[in-house]
Amino acid sequence: MELTLIYTIVGFGLAGWSVIANDSIQTLGTFIASKQKWFKWYTLAASASFVMILAITWGWYSYDGDISYGRLTRIPYQEIQWYHAVAPGILLLLTRVGVPVSTTFLVLSAFASTVVLEKMLVKSIVGYGIAATVAYICWIIVSKFINEKFDEVTGDKSIAFWRNSVWITSGWLWWVWLSHDVANIAVYLPRQLDVSLLLIVLAYFTILLFYIFYIHGGPIQKVVLDKTGTRYARSATIINVIYAAVLFYFKELNDLPMSTTWVFVGLLCGRELAISTMNKDYKFKYVFPLIGKDFVKMIFGLSVSVAIVLAIHYFIIPRGLF
């Protein structure tokens, strides 16, 4: 077996594991938190897998065999080398200790030029800012009508409505997120997949999803559970709708990859600030340690990503260290 094929298999395997384990919690985290009390983990995993199969198959069909939804047009396919496989390995290690770093930066930085990486960074920073601003405004409005932390949903019809809403909004968010982040795994594969490769990808992703639901999200799930009311169906629904809307906007904006992690953390940041603004019992001194910790982790992940791309372009490739 050629080394290139080995690197491809290892890189794809690690990227799939790390992306699903790290980034999927952004979309499935509130779903797991709000539903695990009422449904078995394998029921939730089967639901997420069904949407995932539909989303990836639709992308494959619509984009002529490209499961990345055209997000890799600025990153052409290249022979996989050992350093391409190292990037998701680093991400996997960071995921195991619960660090919400950007998969887009850590994985795609090994493939992208410095120019593309710079544009990805700018788009992600803008995404963080817009998500935080939109979330702050939305939750200021929401807080005028409900207190997510203390006002319980009452009445059989209301409870049923919010619980069903979580299913629908989680499915939509999961689909939109996949159209962004599958690129971080597909970068290891040819841009046009045949049916056999597609089936292998779908089978591998399904296995990973069942594992993630089995461990209830893993250490990275703490980023979601730390935030106010994320275990409640009503809060989960509102988070899903706003996050999906922001991601959809950036998906339609252009085909440049971006960090959905930054958008997600920005949304949670704006939400916590809004809740603390409107709730006298939830002071800013409790909020800033939460949002500051997440921001520091993101900057750490970005620093690792920049180090990877600089090492590849200015040290490994010029010296022929393949």
Protein backbone atom coordinates (compact mmCIF):
# COMPACT_ATOMS: atom_id res chain seq x y z
CA MET A 1 0.00 0.00 0.00
CA GLU A 2 1.39 3.39 -0.99
CA LEU A 3 2.17 5.90 1.72
CA THR A 4 -0.18 8.46 0.15
CA LEU A 5 -3.11 6.07 0.48
CA ILE A 6 -2.18 5.33 4.09
CA TYR A 7 -2.02 9.04 4.88
CA THR A 8 -5.39 9.53 3.18
CA ILE A 9 -7.07 6.79 5.20
CA VAL A 10 -5.52 7.95 8.48
CA GLY A 11 -6.27 11.63 7.78
CA PHE A 12 -9.86 10.95 6.75
CA GLY A 13 -10.43 8.67 9.74
CA LEU A 14 -9.02 11.14 12.26
CA ALA A 15 -10.75 14.11 10.62
CA GLY A 16 -14.12 12.35 10.70
CA TRP A 17 -13.64 11.37 14.32
CA SER A 18 -12.47 14.80 15.44
CA VAL A 19 -15.02 16.83 13.45
CA ILE A 20 -17.99 14.75 14.59
CA ALA A 21 -16.72 14.60 18.19
CA ASN A 22 -15.78 18.29 18.39
CA ASP A 23 -17.96 20.38 16.11
CA SER A 24 -21.15 18.33 16.02
CA ILE A 25 -21.81 19.26 19.66
CA GLN A 26 -22.41 22.83 18.45
CA THR A 27 -25.55 21.62 16.73
CA LEU A 28 -26.42 18.43 18.59
CA GLY A 29 -25.40 19.64 22.05
CA THR A 30 -28.67 21.37 22.89
CA PHE A 31 -30.55 18.48 21.26
CA ILE A 32 -28.78 15.95 23.51
CA ALA A 33 -29.13 18.13 26.61
CA SER A 34 -32.86 18.70 26.15
CA LYS A 35 -33.84 15.23 24.92
CA GLN A 36 -31.68 12.69 26.78
CA LYS A 37 -34.09 12.73 29.74
CA TRP A 38 -36.99 11.62 27.55
CA PHE A 39 -35.45 9.36 24.89
CA LYS A 40 -32.89 6.58 24.72
CA TRP A 41 -29.52 7.59 23.29
CA TYR A 42 -29.87 5.26 20.31
CA THR A 43 -33.21 6.81 19.34
CA LEU A 44 -31.60 10.25 19.26
CA ALA A 45 -28.57 8.87 17.38
CA ALA A 46 -30.79 7.24 14.77
CA SER A 47 -32.64 10.52 14.21
CA ALA A 48 -29.41 12.50 13.77
CA SER A 49 -27.99 9.81 11.47
CA PHE A 50 -31.11 9.90 9.28
CA VAL A 51 -30.80 13.68 8.77
CA MET A 52 -27.05 13.34 8.19
CA ILE A 53 -27.56 10.71 5.48
CA LEU A 54 -30.15 12.89 3.75
CA ALA A 55 -27.98 16.04 3.96
CA ILE A 56 -24.77 14.46 2.66
CA THR A 57 -26.56 12.51 -0.06
CA TRP A 58 -28.33 15.67 -1.19
CA GLY A 59 -25.01 17.55 -1.34
CA TRP A 60 -23.45 14.68 -3.29
CA TYR A 61 -26.35 14.69 -5.76
CA SER A 62 -26.61 18.48 -6.11
CA TYR A 63 -22.89 19.22 -6.45
CA ASP A 64 -21.93 16.46 -8.89
CA GLY A 65 -20.47 14.07 -6.34
CA ASP A 66 -18.99 16.75 -4.04
CA ILE A 67 -20.23 16.16 -0.48
CA SER A 68 -18.67 19.44 0.71
CA TYR A 69 -21.46 21.51 -0.90
CA GLY A 70 -18.85 23.30 -3.00
CA ARG A 71 -16.99 24.69 0.05
CA LEU A 72 -13.62 23.46 -1.25
CA THR A 73 -13.51 25.27 -4.60
CA ARG A 74 -10.66 27.47 -3.28
CA ILE A 75 -8.78 24.49 -1.86
CA PRO A 76 -8.02 22.12 -4.77
CA TYR A 77 -7.45 18.44 -4.14
CA GLN A 78 -3.82 17.52 -3.44
CA GLU A 79 -1.89 14.40 -2.62
CA ILE A 80 -2.20 13.67 1.08
CA GLN A 81 1.06 13.86 3.01
CA TRP A 82 1.90 12.98 6.60
CA TYR A 83 1.42 16.52 7.85
CA HIS A 84 -2.15 16.55 6.54
CA ALA A 85 -2.93 13.61 8.83
CA VAL A 86 -1.26 15.29 11.83
CA ALA A 87 -3.74 18.21 11.93
CA PRO A 88 -6.89 16.21 12.83
CA GLY A 89 -4.78 14.18 15.26
CA ILE A 90 -3.99 17.39 17.16
CA LEU A 91 -7.66 18.36 17.04
CA LEU A 92 -8.66 14.97 18.43
CA LEU A 93 -6.30 15.43 21.39
CA LEU A 94 -7.72 18.89 22.12
CA THR A 95 -11.26 17.52 21.85
CA ARG A 96 -10.52 14.87 24.47
CA VAL A 97 -9.77 17.58 27.04
CA GLY A 98 -12.90 19.57 26.14
CA VAL A 99 -11.35 22.44 24.16
CA PRO A 100 -13.84 23.93 21.62
CA VAL A 101 -11.24 24.80 18.96
CA SER A 102 -12.07 25.49 15.33
CA THR A 103 -11.99 22.37 13.19
CA THR A 104 -11.98 24.53 10.07
CA PHE A 105 -8.76 26.26 11.04
CA LEU A 106 -6.99 23.20 12.45
CA VAL A 107 -7.80 20.83 9.58
CA LEU A 108 -8.04 23.09 6.52
CA SER A 109 -4.95 25.09 7.54
CA ALA A 110 -2.87 22.08 6.48
CA PHE A 111 -4.30 22.36 2.94
CA ALA A 112 -5.05 26.04 2.45
CA SER A 113 -2.72 28.77 1.27
CA THR A 114 -1.95 31.64 3.63
CA VAL A 115 -4.24 33.87 1.52
CA VAL A 116 -7.22 31.52 1.84
CA LEU A 117 -6.54 31.05 5.56
CA GLU A 118 -6.56 34.82 6.05
CA LYS A 119 -9.93 35.12 4.26
CA MET A 120 -11.33 32.24 6.33
CA LEU A 121 -10.20 34.01 9.50
CA VAL A 122 -11.81 37.31 8.50
CA LYS A 123 -15.10 35.60 7.63
CA SER A 124 -15.05 33.71 10.95
CA ILE A 125 -14.36 36.86 12.99
CA VAL A 126 -17.25 38.60 11.24
CA GLY A 127 -19.39 35.52 11.93
CA TYR A 128 -18.49 35.66 15.64
CA GLY A 129 -19.43 39.34 15.82
CA ILE A 130 -22.70 38.98 13.92
CA ALA A 131 -23.73 35.91 15.91
CA ALA A 132 -23.00 37.66 19.22
CA THR A 133 -24.86 40.81 18.17
CA VAL A 134 -27.90 38.99 16.77
CA ALA A 135 -28.05 36.73 19.83
CA TYR A 136 -27.80 39.69 22.22
CA ILE A 137 -30.62 41.58 20.48
CA CYS A 138 -32.83 38.50 20.16
CA TRP A 139 -32.44 37.47 23.80
CA ILE A 140 -33.01 41.00 25.04
CA ILE A 141 -36.37 40.80 23.25
CA VAL A 142 -37.01 37.23 24.46
CA SER A 143 -36.17 38.20 28.05
CA LYS A 144 -38.93 40.82 28.04
CA PHE A 145 -41.47 38.02 27.70
CA ILE A 146 -39.92 34.99 29.39
CA ASN A 147 -37.22 34.14 31.90
CA GLU A 148 -35.54 31.05 30.50
CA LYS A 149 -33.93 30.19 33.80
CA PHE A 150 -36.95 30.41 36.10
CA ASP A 151 -40.17 30.48 34.01
CA GLU A 152 -41.21 26.89 33.43
CA VAL A 153 -43.32 25.90 30.45
CA THR A 154 -46.74 24.80 31.67
CA GLY A 155 -49.70 23.16 30.01
CA ASP A 156 -49.74 19.97 27.96
CA LYS A 157 -50.04 21.81 24.64
CA SER A 158 -47.17 24.21 25.39
CA ILE A 159 -44.88 21.46 26.58
CA ALA A 160 -45.67 19.33 23.51
CA PHE A 161 -45.08 22.31 21.20
CA TRP A 162 -41.60 23.10 22.53
CA ARG A 163 -40.52 19.46 22.67
CA ASN A 164 -41.59 18.92 19.07
CA SER A 165 -39.92 22.18 18.06
CA VAL A 166 -36.57 20.86 19.28
CA TRP A 167 -36.83 17.94 16.85
CA ILE A 168 -37.62 20.18 13.87
CA THR A 169 -35.16 22.98 14.59
CA SER A 170 -32.35 20.57 15.50
CA GLY A 171 -32.84 18.79 12.19
CA TRP A 172 -32.67 22.06 10.25
CA LEU A 173 -29.61 23.27 12.16
CA TRP A 174 -27.86 19.89 11.76
CA TRP A 175 -28.44 20.01 7.98
CA VAL A 176 -27.15 23.58 7.62
CA TRP A 177 -24.13 22.83 9.80
CA LEU A 178 -23.25 19.75 7.75
CA SER A 179 -23.28 21.84 4.58
CA HIS A 180 -20.47 23.88 6.18
CA ASP A 181 -18.35 21.43 8.14
CA VAL A 182 -18.37 18.27 6.02
CA ALA A 183 -15.74 20.14 3.98
CA ASN A 184 -13.31 19.63 6.86
CA ILE A 185 -13.50 15.88 6.28
CA ALA A 186 -14.10 15.84 2.52
CA VAL A 187 -10.83 17.72 1.99
CA TYR A 188 -9.07 14.34 2.29
CA LEU A 189 -11.16 12.81 -0.48
CA PRO A 190 -11.50 13.33 -4.24
CA ARG A 191 -13.87 16.18 -5.03
CA GLN A 192 -16.23 13.80 -6.86
CA LEU A 193 -17.10 10.58 -5.02
CA ASP A 194 -18.55 7.47 -6.62
CA VAL A 195 -21.41 5.61 -4.94
CA SER A 196 -19.15 3.12 -3.14
CA LEU A 197 -17.08 5.88 -1.51
CA LEU A 198 -20.25 7.74 -0.57
CA LEU A 199 -21.61 4.65 1.19
CA ILE A 200 -18.33 4.20 3.08
CA VAL A 201 -18.45 7.84 4.24
CA LEU A 202 -22.09 7.54 5.35
CA ALA A 203 -21.42 4.30 7.23
CA TYR A 204 -18.39 5.75 9.03
CA PHE A 205 -20.23 8.94 10.01
CA THR A 206 -23.19 6.92 11.30
CA ILE A 207 -20.92 4.83 13.53
CA LEU A 208 -19.31 7.99 14.90
CA LEU A 209 -22.67 9.59 15.61
CA PHE A 210 -23.90 6.57 17.54
CA TYR A 211 -20.72 6.65 19.61
CA ILE A 212 -21.09 10.38 20.38
CA PHE A 213 -24.69 9.89 21.52
CA TYR A 214 -23.64 6.85 23.55
CA ILE A 215 -21.19 8.99 25.57
CA HIS A 216 -23.75 11.86 25.72
CA GLY A 217 -21.54 14.27 23.80
CA GLY A 218 -18.30 13.67 25.66
CA PRO A 219 -16.17 16.32 27.45
CA ILE A 220 -16.89 19.05 24.87
CA GLN A 221 -20.60 18.91 25.82
CA LYS A 222 -19.71 20.86 28.98
CA VAL A 223 -19.41 24.01 26.82
CA VAL A 224 -23.17 23.71 26.18
CA LEU A 225 -24.23 22.54 29.64
CA ASP A 226 -22.40 25.43 31.34
CA LYS A 227 -24.74 27.93 29.69
CA THR A 228 -28.05 29.04 31.14
CA GLY A 229 -31.09 26.83 30.45
CA THR A 230 -29.63 24.79 27.59
CA ARG A 231 -31.28 21.65 28.99
CA TYR A 232 -34.74 23.16 28.43
CA ALA A 233 -36.66 22.49 25.22
CA ARG A 234 -37.72 26.11 24.81
CA SER A 235 -34.17 27.45 25.18
CA ALA A 236 -32.78 24.76 22.88
CA THR A 237 -35.34 25.69 20.21
CA ILE A 238 -34.50 29.39 20.32
CA ILE A 239 -30.75 28.68 20.16
CA ASN A 240 -31.25 26.32 17.21
CA VAL A 241 -33.29 28.80 15.18
CA ILE A 242 -30.89 31.73 15.61
CA TYR A 243 -27.75 29.64 15.06
CA ALA A 244 -29.19 27.99 11.95
CA ALA A 245 -30.27 31.36 10.52
CA VAL A 246 -26.78 32.84 10.96
CA LEU A 247 -25.09 29.78 9.43
CA PHE A 248 -27.52 29.77 6.51
CA TYR A 249 -26.74 33.44 5.83
CA PHE A 250 -23.01 32.76 5.64
CA LYS A 251 -23.57 29.62 3.56
CA GLU A 252 -25.38 31.69 0.95
CA LEU A 253 -22.90 34.57 1.19
CA ASN A 254 -20.03 32.76 -0.58
CA ASP A 255 -18.31 29.36 -0.85
CA LEU A 256 -15.40 30.26 1.45
CA PRO A 257 -15.12 27.90 4.46
CA MET A 258 -15.54 29.46 7.89
CA SER A 259 -15.37 28.41 11.51
CA THR A 260 -18.79 27.39 12.75
CA THR A 261 -17.20 27.05 16.21
CA TRP A 262 -16.57 30.80 16.29
CA VAL A 263 -20.17 31.49 15.25
CA PHE A 264 -21.50 29.13 17.92
CA VAL A 265 -19.37 30.55 20.72
CA GLY A 266 -20.29 34.07 19.59
CA LEU A 267 -23.97 33.17 19.79
CA LEU A 268 -23.62 31.74 23.31
CA CYS A 269 -21.62 34.83 24.32
CA GLY A 270 -24.32 37.25 23.12
CA ARG A 271 -27.02 35.13 24.74
CA GLU A 272 -25.34 35.04 28.16
CA LEU A 273 -24.69 38.80 28.07
CA ALA A 274 -28.34 39.47 27.21
CA ILE A 275 -29.61 37.22 30.00
CA SER A 276 -27.30 38.90 32.51
CA THR A 277 -28.42 42.33 31.28
CA MET A 278 -32.10 41.54 31.85
CA ASN A 279 -31.76 39.37 34.96
CA LYS A 280 -30.73 41.14 38.17
CA ASP A 281 -29.83 37.86 39.85
CA TYR A 282 -27.43 36.84 37.06
CA LYS A 283 -24.61 39.34 37.25
CA PHE A 284 -21.85 40.12 34.74
CA LYS A 285 -19.21 38.76 37.11
CA TYR A 286 -20.68 35.30 36.57
CA VAL A 287 -20.83 35.70 32.79
CA PHE A 288 -17.36 36.90 31.91
CA PRO A 289 -15.48 33.86 33.28
CA LEU A 290 -17.71 31.64 31.09
CA ILE A 291 -17.40 33.56 27.83
CA GLY A 292 -13.77 34.48 28.51
CA LYS A 293 -12.80 30.84 28.97
CA ASP A 294 -14.37 29.85 25.66
CA PHE A 295 -12.71 32.77 23.85
CA VAL A 296 -9.26 31.89 25.21
CA LYS A 297 -9.72 28.31 24.02
CA MET A 298 -10.66 29.54 20.54
CA ILE A 299 -7.59 31.77 20.35
CA PHE A 300 -5.44 28.84 21.46
CA GLY A 301 -6.87 26.69 18.67
CA LEU A 302 -6.29 29.49 16.17
CA SER A 303 -2.67 29.82 17.29
CA VAL A 304 -2.11 26.11 16.72
CA SER A 305 -3.71 26.39 13.26
CA VAL A 306 -1.53 29.34 12.25
CA ALA A 307 1.54 27.49 13.50
CA ILE A 308 0.61 24.48 11.36
CA VAL A 309 0.12 26.46 8.15
CA LEU A 310 3.32 28.46 8.67
CA ALA A 311 5.33 25.31 9.39
CA ILE A 312 3.98 23.64 6.24
CA HIS A 313 4.54 26.56 3.87
CA TYR A 314 7.81 27.89 5.27
CA PHE A 315 9.56 24.86 6.74
CA ILE A 316 8.22 21.44 5.67
CA ILE A 317 7.55 22.01 1.94
CA PRO A 318 10.68 24.15 1.20
CA ARG A 319 12.88 21.52 2.86
CA GLY A 320 11.08 18.59 1.27
CA LEU A 321 10.24 16.93 4.60
CA PHE A 322 7.63 14.56 3.24
